[in-house]
Protein backbone atom coordinates (compact mmCIF):
# COMPACT_ATOMS: atom_id res chain seq x y z
CA UNK A 1 -37.94 -209.74 -66.10
CA UNK A 2 -35.46 -207.13 -64.99
CA UNK A 3 -32.50 -208.50 -63.10
CA UNK A 4 -32.92 -208.00 -59.36
CA UNK A 5 -29.94 -206.36 -57.60
CA UNK A 6 -29.48 -206.27 -53.82
CA UNK A 7 -26.46 -204.53 -52.28
CA UNK A 8 -24.71 -206.20 -49.34
CA UNK A 9 -23.30 -203.86 -46.74
CA UNK A 10 -21.09 -204.40 -43.69
CA UNK A 11 -19.81 -201.65 -41.43
CA UNK A 12 -21.21 -199.02 -43.81
CA UNK A 13 -19.21 -200.38 -46.75
CA UNK A 14 -20.74 -202.05 -49.80
CA UNK A 15 -19.04 -205.42 -49.83
CA UNK A 16 -20.81 -206.94 -52.80
CA UNK A 17 -24.11 -207.51 -54.56
CA UNK A 18 -26.61 -210.25 -55.02
CA UNK A 19 -28.25 -210.53 -58.42
CA UNK A 20 -31.03 -212.74 -59.73
CA UNK A 21 -31.84 -212.78 -63.45
CA UNK A 22 -35.36 -214.36 -63.15
CA UNK A 23 -37.73 -215.78 -60.58
CA UNK A 24 -36.51 -219.31 -61.22
CA UNK A 25 -32.81 -218.43 -61.42
CA UNK A 26 -30.43 -219.09 -58.58
CA UNK A 27 -29.09 -215.90 -56.92
CA UNK A 28 -25.48 -214.94 -57.48
CA UNK A 29 -23.17 -213.05 -55.12
CA UNK A 30 -20.13 -211.07 -56.22
CA UNK A 31 -17.76 -209.08 -54.03
CA UNK A 32 -17.08 -205.44 -54.92
CA UNK A 33 -13.49 -204.86 -56.23
CA UNK A 34 -13.01 -202.11 -53.64
CA UNK A 35 -13.86 -204.52 -50.79
CA UNK A 36 -11.58 -207.20 -52.18
CA UNK A 37 -8.79 -204.59 -51.99
CA UNK A 38 -9.37 -203.60 -48.37
CA UNK A 39 -11.80 -206.04 -46.67
CA UNK A 40 -10.86 -208.89 -44.38
CA UNK A 41 -14.20 -210.38 -43.31
CA UNK A 42 -16.04 -212.68 -45.80
CA UNK A 43 -19.80 -212.76 -46.14
CA UNK A 44 -19.68 -216.42 -45.22
CA UNK A 45 -17.02 -219.11 -44.76
CA UNK A 46 -18.08 -220.74 -48.05
CA UNK A 47 -17.76 -217.41 -49.87
CA UNK A 48 -14.10 -216.51 -49.43
CA UNK A 49 -12.84 -213.15 -50.62
CA UNK A 50 -12.43 -213.73 -54.35
CA UNK A 51 -13.34 -212.03 -57.63
CA UNK A 52 -15.36 -214.93 -59.02
CA UNK A 53 -19.12 -215.04 -58.54
CA UNK A 54 -20.76 -217.42 -56.04
CA UNK A 55 -24.05 -218.97 -57.01
CA UNK A 56 -26.53 -221.66 -56.19
CA UNK A 57 -27.11 -223.29 -52.80
CA UNK A 58 -24.26 -221.57 -50.98
CA UNK A 59 -25.79 -218.11 -51.67
CA UNK A 60 -29.35 -219.18 -51.14
CA UNK A 61 -28.48 -220.89 -47.84
CA UNK A 62 -26.95 -217.67 -46.54
CA UNK A 63 -29.84 -215.47 -47.65
CA UNK A 64 -32.56 -217.78 -46.35
CA UNK A 65 -30.62 -218.22 -43.12
CA UNK A 66 -31.11 -214.61 -42.05
CA UNK A 67 -34.90 -214.65 -42.53
CA UNK A 68 -37.61 -216.14 -40.30
CA UNK A 69 -38.42 -219.76 -41.02
CA UNK A 70 -42.05 -219.53 -40.01
CA UNK A 71 -44.08 -219.51 -43.23
CA UNK A 72 -46.82 -217.45 -41.50
CA UNK A 73 -44.34 -214.64 -40.87
CA UNK A 74 -43.09 -214.79 -44.45
CA UNK A 75 -46.72 -214.72 -45.65
CA UNK A 76 -47.53 -211.70 -43.59
CA UNK A 77 -44.38 -209.84 -44.59
CA UNK A 78 -45.11 -210.60 -48.22
CA UNK A 79 -48.58 -209.16 -47.83
CA UNK A 80 -47.38 -206.02 -46.09
CA UNK A 81 -44.60 -205.43 -48.64
CA UNK A 82 -46.61 -206.41 -51.71
CA UNK A 83 -44.25 -209.19 -52.76
CA UNK A 84 -44.41 -212.99 -52.90
CA UNK A 85 -43.60 -214.67 -49.59
CA UNK A 86 -40.94 -216.76 -51.26
CA UNK A 87 -39.30 -213.82 -52.99
CA UNK A 88 -36.24 -213.74 -50.69
CA UNK A 89 -34.49 -210.82 -52.36
CA UNK A 90 -37.60 -208.61 -52.32
CA UNK A 91 -38.20 -209.29 -48.62
CA UNK A 92 -34.55 -208.64 -47.75
CA UNK A 93 -34.63 -205.41 -49.65
CA UNK A 94 -37.15 -204.12 -47.09
CA UNK A 95 -36.43 -206.18 -43.98
CA UNK A 96 -32.70 -206.72 -44.29
CA UNK A 97 -31.43 -203.48 -42.79
CA UNK A 98 -30.61 -205.19 -39.48
CA UNK A 99 -29.82 -208.90 -39.66
CA UNK A 100 -27.79 -211.45 -37.71
CA UNK A 101 -24.17 -210.45 -37.78
CA UNK A 102 -22.88 -207.31 -39.47
CA UNK A 103 -24.65 -207.80 -42.80
CA UNK A 104 -27.32 -205.46 -44.17
CA UNK A 105 -29.19 -205.63 -47.45
CA UNK A 106 -30.77 -202.82 -49.45
CA UNK A 107 -31.71 -201.78 -52.97
CA UNK A 108 -29.05 -199.76 -54.84
CA UNK A 109 -31.07 -196.55 -54.61
CA UNK A 110 -31.49 -196.94 -50.85
CA UNK A 111 -27.79 -197.45 -49.90
CA UNK A 112 -27.10 -193.75 -49.30
CA UNK A 113 -30.17 -193.39 -47.07
CA UNK A 114 -29.26 -196.53 -45.13
CA UNK A 115 -25.66 -195.45 -44.57
CA UNK A 116 -26.19 -191.72 -44.00
CA UNK A 117 -29.38 -191.67 -42.00
CA UNK A 118 -28.11 -194.31 -39.59
CA UNK A 119 -31.63 -195.26 -38.57
CA UNK A 120 -33.66 -193.96 -35.69
CA UNK A 121 -34.34 -195.23 -32.19
CA UNK A 122 -37.61 -194.48 -30.40
CA UNK A 123 -38.00 -195.00 -26.68
CA UNK A 124 -40.45 -197.61 -25.48
CA UNK A 125 -41.81 -198.25 -22.02
CA UNK A 126 -42.13 -201.52 -20.18
CA UNK A 127 -45.83 -201.40 -20.84
CA UNK A 128 -45.17 -200.92 -24.56
CA UNK A 129 -42.97 -204.00 -24.56
CA UNK A 130 -45.60 -205.94 -22.57
CA UNK A 131 -48.12 -205.04 -25.23
CA UNK A 132 -45.92 -206.51 -27.94
CA UNK A 133 -45.49 -209.72 -25.89
CA UNK A 134 -49.22 -210.01 -25.44
CA UNK A 135 -49.64 -209.58 -29.16
CA UNK A 136 -47.15 -212.32 -29.82
CA UNK A 137 -49.01 -214.63 -27.49
CA UNK A 138 -52.32 -214.05 -29.20
CA UNK A 139 -51.31 -213.40 -32.82
CA UNK A 140 -48.12 -215.43 -32.84
CA UNK A 141 -46.26 -214.73 -36.04
CA UNK A 142 -48.39 -211.75 -36.92
CA UNK A 143 -46.49 -209.33 -34.66
CA UNK A 144 -42.79 -209.91 -35.27
CA UNK A 145 -42.28 -206.37 -36.48
CA UNK A 146 -43.90 -202.98 -36.32
CA UNK A 147 -44.25 -200.56 -39.27
CA UNK A 148 -40.91 -199.04 -40.36
CA UNK A 149 -38.88 -201.70 -38.50
CA UNK A 150 -36.38 -203.28 -40.91
CA UNK A 151 -34.83 -206.00 -38.82
CA UNK A 152 -34.92 -209.74 -39.53
CA UNK A 153 -34.29 -212.65 -37.15
CA UNK A 154 -34.08 -216.31 -38.19
CA UNK A 155 -35.80 -219.22 -36.42
CA UNK A 156 -39.24 -220.54 -35.85
CA UNK A 157 -40.10 -218.99 -32.45
CA UNK A 158 -41.99 -215.74 -32.19
CA UNK A 159 -39.71 -212.96 -31.01
CA UNK A 160 -38.83 -209.36 -31.51
CA UNK A 161 -35.71 -207.27 -31.23
CA UNK A 162 -35.05 -203.98 -29.47
CA UNK A 163 -32.09 -201.81 -28.63
CA UNK A 164 -31.18 -201.56 -24.98
CA UNK A 165 -29.02 -198.51 -24.30
CA UNK A 166 -27.89 -196.98 -20.98
CA UNK A 167 -30.96 -194.70 -21.14
CA UNK A 168 -33.52 -197.45 -21.63
CA UNK A 169 -35.28 -199.56 -24.23
CA UNK A 170 -35.73 -198.41 -27.82
CA UNK A 171 -37.35 -199.62 -31.00
CA UNK A 172 -34.89 -199.69 -33.88
CA UNK A 173 -36.22 -198.14 -37.08
CA UNK A 174 -34.55 -197.76 -40.44
CA UNK A 175 -31.00 -199.12 -40.30
CA UNK A 176 -30.63 -198.74 -36.48
CA UNK A 177 -29.14 -201.80 -34.84
CA UNK A 178 -30.97 -203.83 -32.28
CA UNK A 179 -29.03 -205.23 -29.26
CA UNK A 180 -31.43 -207.69 -27.54
CA UNK A 181 -33.95 -210.35 -28.55
CA UNK A 182 -37.12 -210.77 -26.49
CA UNK A 183 -38.99 -214.09 -26.61
CA UNK A 184 -42.15 -215.01 -24.66
CA UNK A 185 -41.31 -218.70 -25.16
CA UNK A 186 -43.05 -221.55 -26.91
CA UNK A 187 -46.75 -221.04 -26.26
CA UNK A 188 -47.75 -224.65 -25.93
CA UNK A 189 -45.14 -225.31 -23.17
CA UNK A 190 -45.70 -223.83 -19.75
CA UNK A 191 -43.05 -221.28 -18.61
CA UNK A 192 -40.82 -222.15 -21.53
CA UNK A 193 -39.05 -218.81 -21.56
CA UNK A 194 -38.15 -219.35 -17.93
CA UNK A 195 -36.93 -222.88 -18.71
CA UNK A 196 -34.68 -221.56 -21.45
CA UNK A 197 -33.31 -218.85 -19.16
CA UNK A 198 -32.56 -221.35 -16.39
CA UNK A 199 -30.91 -223.72 -18.91
CA UNK A 200 -28.75 -220.90 -20.24
CA UNK A 201 -27.76 -219.81 -16.72
CA UNK A 202 -26.97 -223.39 -15.83
CA UNK A 203 -24.75 -223.73 -18.91
CA UNK A 204 -22.86 -220.59 -17.89
CA UNK A 205 -22.44 -221.97 -14.35
CA UNK A 206 -20.92 -225.12 -15.90
CA UNK A 207 -18.34 -223.03 -17.70
CA UNK A 208 -19.81 -222.80 -21.22
CA UNK A 209 -19.57 -219.63 -23.21
CA UNK A 210 -23.18 -218.54 -23.59
CA UNK A 211 -25.08 -215.42 -24.49
CA UNK A 212 -26.21 -213.41 -21.44
CA UNK A 213 -29.91 -213.78 -20.62
CA UNK A 214 -32.35 -212.30 -18.10
CA UNK A 215 -35.84 -213.44 -17.20
CA UNK A 216 -38.01 -210.36 -16.91
CA UNK A 217 -41.57 -209.33 -16.35
CA UNK A 218 -42.62 -206.40 -18.59
CA UNK A 219 -45.54 -204.28 -17.49
CA UNK A 220 -47.06 -206.07 -14.58
CA UNK A 221 -47.44 -209.59 -15.83
CA UNK A 222 -45.80 -210.40 -19.17
CA UNK A 223 -42.80 -212.77 -18.72
CA UNK A 224 -40.07 -213.11 -21.34
CA UNK A 225 -36.50 -214.17 -21.76
CA UNK A 226 -34.27 -211.32 -22.83
CA UNK A 227 -31.18 -212.35 -24.73
CA UNK A 228 -28.22 -210.03 -25.19
CA UNK A 229 -27.02 -210.21 -28.79
CA UNK A 230 -23.38 -211.33 -28.82
CA UNK A 231 -23.01 -209.89 -32.33
CA UNK A 232 -23.58 -206.35 -31.03
CA UNK A 233 -21.33 -204.02 -29.02
CA UNK A 234 -22.74 -200.91 -27.30
CA UNK A 235 -20.06 -198.21 -27.04
CA UNK A 236 -19.82 -195.54 -24.36
CA UNK A 237 -21.52 -192.99 -26.69
CA UNK A 238 -24.42 -195.45 -27.17
CA UNK A 239 -23.34 -196.23 -30.70
CA UNK A 240 -23.92 -199.88 -31.59
CA UNK A 241 -21.28 -201.82 -33.50
CA UNK A 242 -22.29 -204.93 -35.45
CA UNK A 243 -20.05 -208.04 -35.32
CA UNK A 244 -20.39 -210.49 -38.20
CA UNK A 245 -21.56 -214.06 -37.66
CA UNK A 246 -22.84 -217.07 -39.62
CA UNK A 247 -24.66 -220.12 -38.28
CA UNK A 248 -23.27 -223.57 -38.99
CA UNK A 249 -26.18 -224.55 -41.17
CA UNK A 250 -25.43 -221.71 -43.59
CA UNK A 251 -21.65 -222.40 -43.18
CA UNK A 252 -22.32 -225.93 -44.39
CA UNK A 253 -24.17 -224.65 -47.44
CA UNK A 254 -27.51 -226.09 -46.33
CA UNK A 255 -30.91 -224.41 -46.28
CA UNK A 256 -32.64 -223.89 -42.88
CA UNK A 257 -34.97 -226.79 -43.76
CA UNK A 258 -31.88 -229.03 -43.36
CA UNK A 259 -30.85 -227.78 -39.95
CA UNK A 260 -31.50 -231.08 -38.17
CA UNK A 261 -29.07 -233.99 -38.69
CA UNK A 262 -32.04 -236.34 -38.96
CA UNK A 263 -33.36 -234.31 -41.91
CA UNK A 264 -30.07 -234.33 -43.80
CA UNK A 265 -28.46 -231.49 -41.89
CA UNK A 266 -24.96 -231.18 -40.50
CA UNK A 267 -23.75 -233.69 -37.95
CA UNK A 268 -20.79 -233.40 -35.59
CA UNK A 269 -18.28 -234.37 -38.25
CA UNK A 270 -19.55 -231.57 -40.49
CA UNK A 271 -19.26 -229.00 -37.73
CA UNK A 272 -15.74 -230.09 -36.91
CA UNK A 273 -14.76 -229.86 -40.58
CA UNK A 274 -16.02 -226.28 -40.74
CA UNK A 275 -14.01 -225.33 -37.64
CA UNK A 276 -10.88 -227.10 -38.94
CA UNK A 277 -11.06 -225.23 -42.23
CA UNK A 278 -11.82 -221.80 -40.84
CA UNK A 279 -11.14 -221.20 -37.10
CA UNK A 280 -7.95 -219.49 -36.06
CA UNK A 281 -7.74 -221.61 -32.89
CA UNK A 282 -8.91 -225.00 -34.09
CA UNK A 283 -8.44 -226.76 -30.75
CA UNK A 284 -10.60 -224.16 -28.99
CA UNK A 285 -13.20 -224.44 -31.71
CA UNK A 286 -13.38 -228.24 -31.38
CA UNK A 287 -13.64 -227.94 -27.63
CA UNK A 288 -16.54 -225.46 -28.00
CA UNK A 289 -18.30 -227.94 -30.31
CA UNK A 290 -17.71 -230.77 -27.86
CA UNK A 291 -19.21 -228.76 -25.01
CA UNK A 292 -22.21 -227.79 -27.13
CA UNK A 293 -23.05 -231.36 -28.10
CA UNK A 294 -22.36 -232.75 -24.60
CA UNK A 295 -24.45 -230.12 -22.82
CA UNK A 296 -27.44 -230.57 -25.11
CA UNK A 297 -27.47 -234.28 -24.34
CA UNK A 298 -26.83 -233.92 -20.61
CA UNK A 299 -29.44 -231.21 -20.26
CA UNK A 300 -32.00 -233.05 -22.34
CA UNK A 301 -32.13 -230.11 -24.80
CA UNK A 302 -33.52 -231.33 -28.14
CA UNK A 303 -33.02 -228.19 -30.30
CA UNK A 304 -29.25 -227.97 -30.55
CA UNK A 305 -29.26 -228.07 -34.35
CA UNK A 306 -26.91 -226.39 -36.76
CA UNK A 307 -28.77 -223.09 -36.84
CA UNK A 308 -28.41 -222.87 -33.04
CA UNK A 309 -24.67 -222.64 -33.10
CA UNK A 310 -22.70 -220.01 -35.02
CA UNK A 311 -19.30 -218.66 -35.96
CA UNK A 312 -18.13 -215.12 -35.24
CA UNK A 313 -16.34 -213.80 -38.33
CA UNK A 314 -13.98 -211.07 -37.13
CA UNK A 315 -11.19 -209.24 -39.01
CA UNK A 316 -8.40 -211.23 -37.35
CA UNK A 317 -10.26 -214.25 -36.13
CA UNK A 318 -13.03 -216.83 -36.87
CA UNK A 319 -14.30 -218.65 -33.82
CA UNK A 320 -17.32 -220.40 -32.33
CA UNK A 321 -19.74 -217.83 -31.05
CA UNK A 322 -21.29 -217.90 -27.57
CA UNK A 323 -24.06 -220.45 -27.34
CA UNK A 324 -27.77 -219.55 -27.45
CA UNK A 325 -31.19 -221.14 -27.51
CA UNK A 326 -30.28 -223.86 -25.02
CA UNK A 327 -33.48 -225.20 -23.40
CA UNK A 328 -34.06 -228.48 -21.57
CA UNK A 329 -37.20 -230.46 -22.44
CA UNK A 330 -37.06 -232.50 -19.23
CA UNK A 331 -39.72 -230.57 -17.29
CA UNK A 332 -42.23 -231.58 -19.95
CA UNK A 333 -43.80 -235.02 -20.19
CA UNK A 334 -45.28 -236.90 -23.08
CA UNK A 335 -45.13 -235.60 -26.64
CA UNK A 336 -44.28 -232.08 -25.45
CA UNK A 337 -40.79 -233.17 -24.44
CA UNK A 338 -38.83 -234.30 -27.47
CA UNK A 339 -36.68 -237.30 -26.62
CA UNK A 340 -33.59 -236.96 -28.78
CA UNK A 341 -30.87 -234.42 -29.46
CA UNK A 342 -30.48 -232.73 -32.76
CA UNK A 343 -26.82 -233.68 -33.30
CA UNK A 344 -25.86 -237.25 -32.49
CA UNK A 345 -23.09 -238.45 -30.28
CA UNK A 346 -21.24 -241.35 -31.86
CA UNK A 347 -24.19 -242.04 -34.08
CA UNK A 348 -26.80 -242.00 -31.32
CA UNK A 349 -29.42 -239.25 -30.69
CA UNK A 350 -32.02 -240.83 -28.43
CA UNK A 351 -31.90 -239.92 -24.75
CA UNK A 352 -30.69 -242.96 -22.81
CA UNK A 353 -29.02 -244.57 -25.81
CA UNK A 354 -25.61 -242.93 -25.59
CA UNK A 355 -22.95 -245.17 -23.98
CA UNK A 356 -19.32 -244.64 -23.22
CA UNK A 357 -18.30 -246.04 -26.59
CA UNK A 358 -20.46 -243.44 -28.36
CA UNK A 359 -18.85 -240.62 -26.33
CA UNK A 360 -15.50 -242.14 -27.43
CA UNK A 361 -16.52 -242.00 -31.12
CA UNK A 362 -17.52 -238.36 -30.72
CA UNK A 363 -14.25 -237.60 -28.96
CA UNK A 364 -12.34 -239.08 -31.87
CA UNK A 365 -14.21 -236.85 -34.30
CA UNK A 366 -13.52 -233.85 -32.07
CA UNK A 367 -9.87 -234.71 -31.63
CA UNK A 368 -10.27 -234.82 -27.85
CA UNK A 369 -8.84 -237.58 -25.66
CA UNK A 370 -11.62 -240.08 -24.91
CA UNK A 371 -11.15 -240.14 -21.14
CA UNK A 372 -11.22 -236.32 -21.16
CA UNK A 373 -14.48 -236.20 -23.04
CA UNK A 374 -16.09 -238.83 -20.80
CA UNK A 375 -14.96 -236.72 -17.81
CA UNK A 376 -16.59 -233.67 -19.40
CA UNK A 377 -19.91 -235.47 -19.85
CA UNK A 378 -19.74 -236.89 -16.30
CA UNK A 379 -18.93 -233.54 -14.72
CA UNK A 380 -21.79 -231.88 -16.61
CA UNK A 381 -24.22 -234.59 -15.50
CA UNK A 382 -23.17 -234.12 -11.90
CA UNK A 383 -23.40 -230.36 -11.95
CA UNK A 384 -26.43 -229.63 -14.14
CA UNK A 385 -29.24 -230.46 -11.69
CA UNK A 386 -28.00 -228.08 -9.03
CA UNK A 387 -27.06 -225.42 -11.57
CA UNK A 388 -30.52 -225.49 -13.08
CA UNK A 389 -32.17 -225.37 -9.62
CA UNK A 390 -29.90 -222.45 -8.56
CA UNK A 391 -30.91 -220.50 -11.67
CA UNK A 392 -34.56 -220.93 -10.78
CA UNK A 393 -33.86 -219.95 -7.14
CA UNK A 394 -32.30 -216.72 -8.39
CA UNK A 395 -35.50 -215.88 -10.29
CA UNK A 396 -37.51 -216.52 -7.14
CA UNK A 397 -41.07 -216.42 -8.52
CA UNK A 398 -43.99 -218.79 -8.13
CA UNK A 399 -43.44 -219.80 -11.75
CA UNK A 400 -39.84 -220.67 -10.97
CA UNK A 401 -40.97 -222.78 -7.98
CA UNK A 402 -43.44 -224.58 -10.25
CA UNK A 403 -40.73 -225.36 -12.84
CA UNK A 404 -38.40 -226.60 -10.10
CA UNK A 405 -41.12 -228.91 -8.70
CA UNK A 406 -41.78 -230.42 -12.10
CA UNK A 407 -38.20 -230.65 -13.28
CA UNK A 408 -35.97 -231.84 -10.42
CA UNK A 409 -36.99 -235.54 -10.57
CA UNK A 410 -36.87 -235.95 -14.36
CA UNK A 411 -33.58 -234.05 -14.52
CA UNK A 412 -32.07 -236.21 -11.74
CA UNK A 413 -33.20 -239.40 -13.44
CA UNK A 414 -31.81 -238.30 -16.82
CA UNK A 415 -28.45 -237.12 -15.50
CA UNK A 416 -28.04 -240.17 -13.32
CA UNK A 417 -28.65 -242.31 -16.40
CA UNK A 418 -26.12 -240.33 -18.43
CA UNK A 419 -23.47 -241.04 -15.77
CA UNK A 420 -24.39 -244.74 -15.42
CA UNK A 421 -24.30 -245.40 -19.15
CA UNK A 422 -20.91 -243.71 -19.61
CA UNK A 423 -19.54 -247.03 -18.43
CA UNK A 424 -22.16 -249.36 -19.90
CA UNK A 425 -20.76 -251.92 -22.32
CA UNK A 426 -24.15 -252.90 -23.85
CA UNK A 427 -26.71 -250.65 -25.35
CA UNK A 428 -30.12 -250.66 -23.56
CA UNK A 429 -33.21 -251.82 -25.50
CA UNK A 430 -34.99 -248.89 -27.29
CA UNK A 431 -37.96 -247.55 -25.47
């Protein structure tokens, strides 16, 4: 087998190359000498700027982390591209021209085209976007991308990416950068896109640094949450600048299959260690992690795992990125509403099982005074119900009224319980 080579590009500069000598071999990443001489942003925090090659899990974790996790999507992409669904390098060679962060991947003979052509944007109407949302609802993973789109987004949920410029919405083809992610929500949960939007808006109202979202109807009747990518900047001339980022699962060297703490993924101590080793302002980074963990518990949001929090890797700074994918499960009953958080607080993940002493253990890991962290949790629990309700009021649709009707009582019960058990000395019996 011929050695596979994949160039890694950031800001139009070849920063390194990934090689794989055989199908069973681990990929290796090596920085280009020219980038080592002038570059300041690493590909990932576990791949510092150095002349030695990186190999094994640290490289594979980064590569897998920029691709969709849904095996149906990988299967479809493999069929369209004529490659094996698990051939990560072959898929990235075609779909890696616009990834999370500033990174792009291409074959050596395509780098000049990718850098010089700059991609192409094609205008799309609201009805065009509505059609893609309808396709996602009916075909699920089958419609993540259109022909000649080369972007890749991680995660399990169906979604697609577009560029939103001052003149309207555009599909991004070739190496053109997308600026927004559009998600119709989890199909089996009613109004889930709206629930995520209201949760994100509530988090912002509580003072958390979160990605900007809108809840929008495309066409006449296709709802979706629209998330502004924090790793993109749109300049006055409509040029789009990519900012580099890496999620904490990749930063810990773990594959996406290990994103949940319960499955062997990073816990709070791991996240804090990454911040301590890499962030310029460590105290601010620890505070951001503390807010992330506390909000997910207070809001009853079960999906705050290590892939749903990231670092921004900037030339002069590494810091925790704005939060994203925050969504309460409390409007849903039974099996639809998962009943634990992804990252534990003082060793506890189950809703209703976190007491003051567990918040204190988490505070010690975070390096935050215990009374301060308890106050943070208490203030969030007091403010979240109204903030969530206000976000729904701002949407003002029948769907928003339905979500409010179904959510206010369970949210009030949960947040009241959070406050009560902040001072409980004895753990309640498991339910």
